[in-house]
């Protein structure tokens, strides 16, 4: 059971893009590995900017300063 995981910000892609990503990476991975598409699991983890820190600041605070 191969697993593909992508992590990104909560507001970076919409549902249509998620569906396209899942379909596209599943097809590519199956073709390259010769493992059936039905075996793949795709996780899209979306991080809330309040829960990510860069340079001592949450992304929410960092964006407000930019």
PDB file of N, CA and C in Angstrom:
ATOM      1  N   UNK A   1       0.841  -1.175   0.000  1.00  0.00           N
ATOM      2  CA  UNK A   1       0.000   0.000   0.000  1.00  0.00           C
ATOM      3  C   UNK A   1       0.890   1.243   0.000  1.00  0.00           C
ATOM      4  N   UNK A   2       1.231   1.771  -1.160  1.00  0.00           N
ATOM      5  CA  UNK A   2       2.038   2.978  -1.239  1.00  0.00           C
ATOM      6  C   UNK A   2       1.241   4.204  -0.770  1.00  0.00           C
ATOM      7  N   UNK A   3       1.938   5.102  -0.087  1.00  0.00           N
ATOM      8  CA  UNK A   3       1.309   6.325   0.423  1.00  0.00           C
ATOM      9  C   UNK A   3       2.070   7.524  -0.124  1.00  0.00           C
ATOM     10  N   UNK A   4       1.323   8.486  -0.647  1.00  0.00           N
ATOM     11  CA  UNK A   4       1.885   9.745  -1.129  1.00  0.00           C
ATOM     12  C   UNK A   4       1.304  10.846  -0.256  1.00  0.00           C
ATOM     13  N   UNK A   5       2.173  11.703   0.297  1.00  0.00           N
ATOM     14  CA  UNK A   5       1.724  12.777   1.180  1.00  0.00           C
ATOM     15  C   UNK A   5       2.245  14.117   0.672  1.00  0.00           C
ATOM     16  N   UNK A   6       1.352  15.104   0.650  1.00  0.00           N
ATOM     17  CA  UNK A   6       1.753  16.466   0.333  1.00  0.00           C
ATOM     18  C   UNK A   6       1.279  17.360   1.475  1.00  0.00           C
ATOM     19  N   UNK A   7       2.165  18.210   1.947  1.00  0.00           N
ATOM     20  CA  UNK A   7       1.833  19.137   3.024  1.00  0.00           C
ATOM     21  C   UNK A   7       1.954  20.560   2.492  1.00  0.00           C
ATOM     22  N   UNK A   8       0.928  21.368   2.756  1.00  0.00           N
ATOM     23  CA  UNK A   8       0.940  22.754   2.303  1.00  0.00           C
ATOM     24  C   UNK A   8       0.045  23.600   3.180  1.00  0.00           C
ATOM     25  N   UNK A   9       0.035  24.869   2.927  1.00  0.00           N
ATOM     26  CA  UNK A   9      -0.782  25.788   3.707  1.00  0.00           C
ATOM     27  C   UNK A   9      -2.267  25.583   3.466  1.00  0.00           C
ATOM     28  N   UNK A  10      -3.063  25.910   4.461  1.00  0.00           N
ATOM     29  CA  UNK A  10      -4.507  25.668   4.417  1.00  0.00           C
ATOM     30  C   UNK A  10      -5.190  26.371   3.253  1.00  0.00           C
ATOM     31  N   UNK A  11      -4.655  27.473   2.804  1.00  0.00           N
ATOM     32  CA  UNK A  11      -5.326  28.254   1.759  1.00  0.00           C
ATOM     33  C   UNK A  11      -4.594  28.216   0.417  1.00  0.00           C
ATOM     34  N   UNK A  12      -3.723  27.246   0.222  1.00  0.00           N
ATOM     35  CA  UNK A  12      -2.908  27.244  -0.991  1.00  0.00           C
ATOM     36  C   UNK A  12      -3.583  26.628  -2.215  1.00  0.00           C
ATOM     37  N   UNK A  13      -4.445  25.636  -2.032  1.00  0.00           N
ATOM     38  CA  UNK A  13      -5.125  25.040  -3.183  1.00  0.00           C
ATOM     39  C   UNK A  13      -6.596  24.820  -2.853  1.00  0.00           C
ATOM     40  N   UNK A  14      -7.423  24.827  -3.892  1.00  0.00           N
ATOM     41  CA  UNK A  14      -8.853  24.604  -3.694  1.00  0.00           C
ATOM     42  C   UNK A  14      -9.196  23.132  -3.960  1.00  0.00           C
ATOM     43  N   UNK A  15     -10.461  22.781  -3.811  1.00  0.00           N
ATOM     44  CA  UNK A  15     -10.877  21.381  -3.951  1.00  0.00           C
ATOM     45  C   UNK A  15     -10.629  20.838  -5.354  1.00  0.00           C
ATOM     46  N   UNK A  16     -10.856  21.659  -6.359  1.00  0.00           N
ATOM     47  CA  UNK A  16     -10.606  21.220  -7.736  1.00  0.00           C
ATOM     48  C   UNK A  16      -9.130  20.865  -7.927  1.00  0.00           C
ATOM     49  N   UNK A  17      -8.239  21.677  -7.393  1.00  0.00           N
ATOM     50  CA  UNK A  17      -6.806  21.408  -7.500  1.00  0.00           C
ATOM     51  C   UNK A  17      -6.425  20.154  -6.714  1.00  0.00           C
ATOM     52  N   UNK A  18      -7.043  19.949  -5.560  1.00  0.00           N
ATOM     53  CA  UNK A  18      -6.777  18.734  -4.781  1.00  0.00           C
ATOM     54  C   UNK A  18      -7.151  17.493  -5.583  1.00  0.00           C
ATOM     55  N   UNK A  19      -8.335  17.525  -6.193  1.00  0.00           N
ATOM     56  CA  UNK A  19      -8.789  16.382  -6.985  1.00  0.00           C
ATOM     57  C   UNK A  19      -7.838  16.104  -8.147  1.00  0.00           C
ATOM     58  N   UNK A  20      -7.396  17.167  -8.806  1.00  0.00           N
ATOM     59  CA  UNK A  20      -6.461  17.013  -9.923  1.00  0.00           C
ATOM     60  C   UNK A  20      -5.126  16.462  -9.445  1.00  0.00           C
ATOM     61  N   UNK A  21      -4.642  16.947  -8.304  1.00  0.00           N
ATOM     62  CA  UNK A  21      -3.387  16.457  -7.742  1.00  0.00           C
ATOM     63  C   UNK A  21      -3.482  14.961  -7.435  1.00  0.00           C
ATOM     64  N   UNK A  22      -4.550  14.568  -6.754  1.00  0.00           N
ATOM     65  CA  UNK A  22      -4.735  13.168  -6.376  1.00  0.00           C
ATOM     66  C   UNK A  22      -4.743  12.280  -7.614  1.00  0.00           C
ATOM     67  N   UNK A  23      -5.495  12.666  -8.613  1.00  0.00           N
ATOM     68  CA  UNK A  23      -5.593  11.881  -9.837  1.00  0.00           C
ATOM     69  C   UNK A  23      -4.251  11.798 -10.564  1.00  0.00           C
ATOM     70  N   UNK A  24      -3.619  12.940 -10.724  1.00  0.00           N
ATOM     71  CA  UNK A  24      -2.377  13.019 -11.488  1.00  0.00           C
ATOM     72  C   UNK A  24      -1.230  12.244 -10.832  1.00  0.00           C
ATOM     73  N   UNK A  25      -1.017  12.449  -9.536  1.00  0.00           N
ATOM     74  CA  UNK A  25       0.102  11.752  -8.890  1.00  0.00           C
ATOM     75  C   UNK A  25      -0.159  10.255  -8.782  1.00  0.00           C
ATOM     76  N   UNK A  26      -1.417   9.881  -8.617  1.00  0.00           N
ATOM     77  CA  UNK A  26      -1.747   8.455  -8.567  1.00  0.00           C
ATOM     78  C   UNK A  26      -1.437   7.803  -9.913  1.00  0.00           C
ATOM     79  N   UNK A  27      -1.877   8.430 -10.991  1.00  0.00           N
ATOM     80  CA  UNK A  27      -1.612   7.884 -12.321  1.00  0.00           C
ATOM     81  C   UNK A  27      -0.118   7.789 -12.604  1.00  0.00           C
ATOM     82  N   UNK A  28       0.616   8.842 -12.287  1.00  0.00           N
ATOM     83  CA  UNK A  28       2.061   8.851 -12.538  1.00  0.00           C
ATOM     84  C   UNK A  28       2.787   7.805 -11.707  1.00  0.00           C
ATOM     85  N   UNK A  29       2.455   7.730 -10.439  1.00  0.00           N
ATOM     86  CA  UNK A  29       3.115   6.762  -9.562  1.00  0.00           C
ATOM     87  C   UNK A  29       2.822   5.327  -9.994  1.00  0.00           C
ATOM     88  N   UNK A  30       1.588   5.067 -10.393  1.00  0.00           N
ATOM     89  CA  UNK A  30       1.228   3.728 -10.850  1.00  0.00           C
ATOM     90  C   UNK A  30       1.984   3.363 -12.127  1.00  0.00           C
ATOM     91  N   UNK A  31       2.080   4.301 -13.038  1.00  0.00           N
ATOM     92  CA  UNK A  31       2.792   4.057 -14.300  1.00  0.00           C
ATOM     93  C   UNK A  31       4.275   3.782 -14.043  1.00  0.00           C
ATOM     94  N   UNK A  32       4.886   4.583 -13.194  1.00  0.00           N
ATOM     95  CA  UNK A  32       6.318   4.457 -12.939  1.00  0.00           C
ATOM     96  C   UNK A  32       6.649   3.187 -12.159  1.00  0.00           C
ATOM     97  N   UNK A  33       5.811   2.832 -11.197  1.00  0.00           N
ATOM     98  CA  UNK A  33       6.110   1.706 -10.313  1.00  0.00           C
ATOM     99  C   UNK A  33       5.488   0.381 -10.742  1.00  0.00           C
ATOM    100  N   UNK A  34       4.574   0.428 -11.713  1.00  0.00           N
ATOM    101  CA  UNK A  34       3.819  -0.761 -12.113  1.00  0.00           C
ATOM    102  C   UNK A  34       2.994  -1.351 -10.975  1.00  0.00           C
ATOM    103  N   UNK A  35       2.560  -0.480 -10.078  1.00  0.00           N
ATOM    104  CA  UNK A  35       1.654  -0.855  -8.992  1.00  0.00           C
ATOM    105  C   UNK A  35       0.273  -0.319  -9.377  1.00  0.00           C
ATOM    106  N   UNK A  36      -0.784  -1.102  -9.195  1.00  0.00           N
ATOM    107  CA  UNK A  36      -2.118  -0.637  -9.589  1.00  0.00           C
ATOM    108  C   UNK A  36      -2.534   0.652  -8.865  1.00  0.00           C
ATOM    109  N   UNK A  37      -3.220   1.517  -9.592  1.00  0.00           N
ATOM    110  CA  UNK A  37      -3.697   2.778  -9.018  1.00  0.00           C
ATOM    111  C   UNK A  37      -4.509   2.558  -7.755  1.00  0.00           C
ATOM    112  N   UNK A  38      -5.284   1.489  -7.716  1.00  0.00           N
ATOM    113  CA  UNK A  38      -6.153   1.211  -6.568  1.00  0.00           C
ATOM    114  C   UNK A  38      -5.366   0.974  -5.282  1.00  0.00           C
ATOM    115  N   UNK A  39      -4.077   0.722  -5.394  1.00  0.00           N
ATOM    116  CA  UNK A  39      -3.250   0.464  -4.210  1.00  0.00           C
ATOM    117  C   UNK A  39      -2.764   1.742  -3.530  1.00  0.00           C
ATOM    118  N   UNK A  40      -2.812   2.867  -4.238  1.00  0.00           N
ATOM    119  CA  UNK A  40      -2.241   4.112  -3.720  1.00  0.00           C
ATOM    120  C   UNK A  40      -3.203   4.848  -2.790  1.00  0.00           C
ATOM    121  N   UNK A  41      -2.626   5.418  -1.758  1.00  0.00           N
ATOM    122  CA  UNK A  41      -3.339   6.314  -0.848  1.00  0.00           C
ATOM    123  C   UNK A  41      -2.648   7.666  -0.949  1.00  0.00           C
ATOM    124  N   UNK A  42      -3.424   8.733  -1.110  1.00  0.00           N
ATOM    125  CA  UNK A  42      -2.869  10.084  -1.200  1.00  0.00           C
ATOM    126  C   UNK A  42      -3.428  10.909  -0.045  1.00  0.00           C
ATOM    127  N   UNK A  43      -2.513  11.491   0.731  1.00  0.00           N
ATOM    128  CA  UNK A  43      -2.893  12.383   1.823  1.00  0.00           C
ATOM    129  C   UNK A  43      -2.499  13.805   1.447  1.00  0.00           C
ATOM    130  N   UNK A  44      -3.416  14.736   1.637  1.00  0.00           N
ATOM    131  CA  UNK A  44      -3.096  16.156   1.500  1.00  0.00           C
ATOM    132  C   UNK A  44      -3.296  16.766   2.883  1.00  0.00           C
ATOM    133  N   UNK A  45      -2.196  17.141   3.477  1.00  0.00           N
ATOM    134  CA  UNK A  45      -2.227  17.741   4.818  1.00  0.00           C
ATOM    135  C   UNK A  45      -2.142  19.247   4.649  1.00  0.00           C
ATOM    136  N   UNK A  46      -3.114  19.955   5.206  1.00  0.00           N
ATOM    137  CA  UNK A  46      -3.120  21.404   5.104  1.00  0.00           C
ATOM    138  C   UNK A  46      -2.898  22.017   6.486  1.00  0.00           C
ATOM    139  N   UNK A  47      -1.883  22.830   6.576  1.00  0.00           N
ATOM    140  CA  UNK A  47      -1.480  23.413   7.854  1.00  0.00           C
ATOM    141  C   UNK A  47      -2.081  24.800   8.048  1.00  0.00           C
ATOM    142  N   UNK A  48      -2.659  25.003   9.193  1.00  0.00           N
ATOM    143  CA  UNK A  48      -3.179  26.312   9.568  1.00  0.00           C
ATOM    144  C   UNK A  48      -1.985  27.225   9.837  1.00  0.00           C
ATOM    145  N   UNK A  49      -1.975  28.450   9.297  1.00  0.00           N
ATOM    146  CA  UNK A  49      -0.839  29.348   9.496  1.00  0.00           C
ATOM    147  C   UNK A  49      -0.569  29.690  10.962  1.00  0.00           C
ATOM    148  N   UNK A  50      -1.565  29.529  11.833  1.00  0.00           N
ATOM    149  CA  UNK A  50      -1.335  29.741  13.264  1.00  0.00           C
ATOM    150  C   UNK A  50      -0.483  28.634  13.865  1.00  0.00           C
ATOM    151  N   UNK A  51      -0.407  27.494  13.188  1.00  0.00           N
ATOM    152  CA  UNK A  51       0.310  26.337  13.718  1.00  0.00           C
ATOM    153  C   UNK A  51       1.670  26.119  13.080  1.00  0.00           C
ATOM    154  N   UNK A  52       2.155  27.110  12.334  1.00  0.00           N
ATOM    155  CA  UNK A  52       3.460  27.013  11.688  1.00  0.00           C
ATOM    156  C   UNK A  52       4.272  28.241  12.073  1.00  0.00           C
ATOM    157  N   UNK A  53       5.479  28.012  12.526  1.00  0.00           N
ATOM    158  CA  UNK A  53       6.344  29.122  12.909  1.00  0.00           C
ATOM    159  C   UNK A  53       7.569  29.196  12.024  1.00  0.00           C
ATOM    160  N   UNK A  54       7.944  30.419  11.637  1.00  0.00           N
ATOM    161  CA  UNK A  54       9.144  30.661  10.853  1.00  0.00           C
ATOM    162  C   UNK A  54       9.857  31.853  11.473  1.00  0.00           C
ATOM    163  N   UNK A  55      11.105  31.673  11.827  1.00  0.00           N
ATOM    164  CA  UNK A  55      11.879  32.781  12.387  1.00  0.00           C
ATOM    165  C   UNK A  55      11.314  33.320  13.686  1.00  0.00           C
ATOM    166  N   UNK A  56      10.690  32.449  14.470  1.00  0.00           N
ATOM    167  CA  UNK A  56      10.161  32.853  15.767  1.00  0.00           C
ATOM    168  C   UNK A  56       8.767  33.452  15.735  1.00  0.00           C
ATOM    169  N   UNK A  57       8.149  33.508  14.564  1.00  0.00           N
ATOM    170  CA  UNK A  57       6.796  34.057  14.437  1.00  0.00           C
ATOM    171  C   UNK A  57       5.893  33.055  13.741  1.00  0.00           C
ATOM    172  N   UNK A  58       4.609  33.046  14.122  1.00  0.00           N
ATOM    173  CA  UNK A  58       3.657  32.213  13.385  1.00  0.00           C
ATOM    174  C   UNK A  58       3.508  32.809  11.987  1.00  0.00           C
ATOM    175  N   UNK A  59       3.114  31.988  11.038  1.00  0.00           N
ATOM    176  CA  UNK A  59       2.911  32.501   9.686  1.00  0.00           C
ATOM    177  C   UNK A  59       1.833  33.575   9.651  1.00  0.00           C
ATOM    178  N   UNK A  60       0.838  33.458  10.516  1.00  0.00           N
ATOM    179  CA  UNK A  60      -0.205  34.476  10.585  1.00  0.00           C
ATOM    180  C   UNK A  60       0.402  35.834  10.925  1.00  0.00           C
ATOM    181  N   UNK A  61       1.253  35.881  11.960  1.00  0.00           N
ATOM    182  CA  UNK A  61       1.894  37.144  12.353  1.00  0.00           C
ATOM    183  C   UNK A  61       2.864  37.625  11.292  1.00  0.00           C
ATOM    184  N   UNK A  62       3.608  36.682  10.715  1.00  0.00           N
ATOM    185  CA  UNK A  62       4.598  37.038   9.699  1.00  0.00           C
ATOM    186  C   UNK A  62       3.919  37.677   8.487  1.00  0.00           C
ATOM    187  N   UNK A  63       2.768  37.139   8.079  1.00  0.00           N
ATOM    188  CA  UNK A  63       2.026  37.699   6.935  1.00  0.00           C
ATOM    189  C   UNK A  63       1.522  39.106   7.235  1.00  0.00           C
ATOM    190  N   UNK A  64       1.109  39.350   8.472  1.00  0.00           N
ATOM    191  CA  UNK A  64       0.622  40.682   8.845  1.00  0.00           C
ATOM    192  C   UNK A  64       1.735  41.721   8.784  1.00  0.00           C
ATOM    193  N   UNK A  65       2.963  41.299   9.048  1.00  0.00           N
ATOM    194  CA  UNK A  65       4.104  42.212   9.033  1.00  0.00           C
ATOM    195  C   UNK A  65       4.612  42.477   7.614  1.00  0.00           C
ATOM    196  N   UNK A  66       4.269  41.610   6.696  1.00  0.00           N
ATOM    197  CA  UNK A  66       4.788  41.742   5.320  1.00  0.00           C
ATOM    198  C   UNK A  66       4.111  42.861   4.552  1.00  0.00           C
TER     199      UNK A  66
END
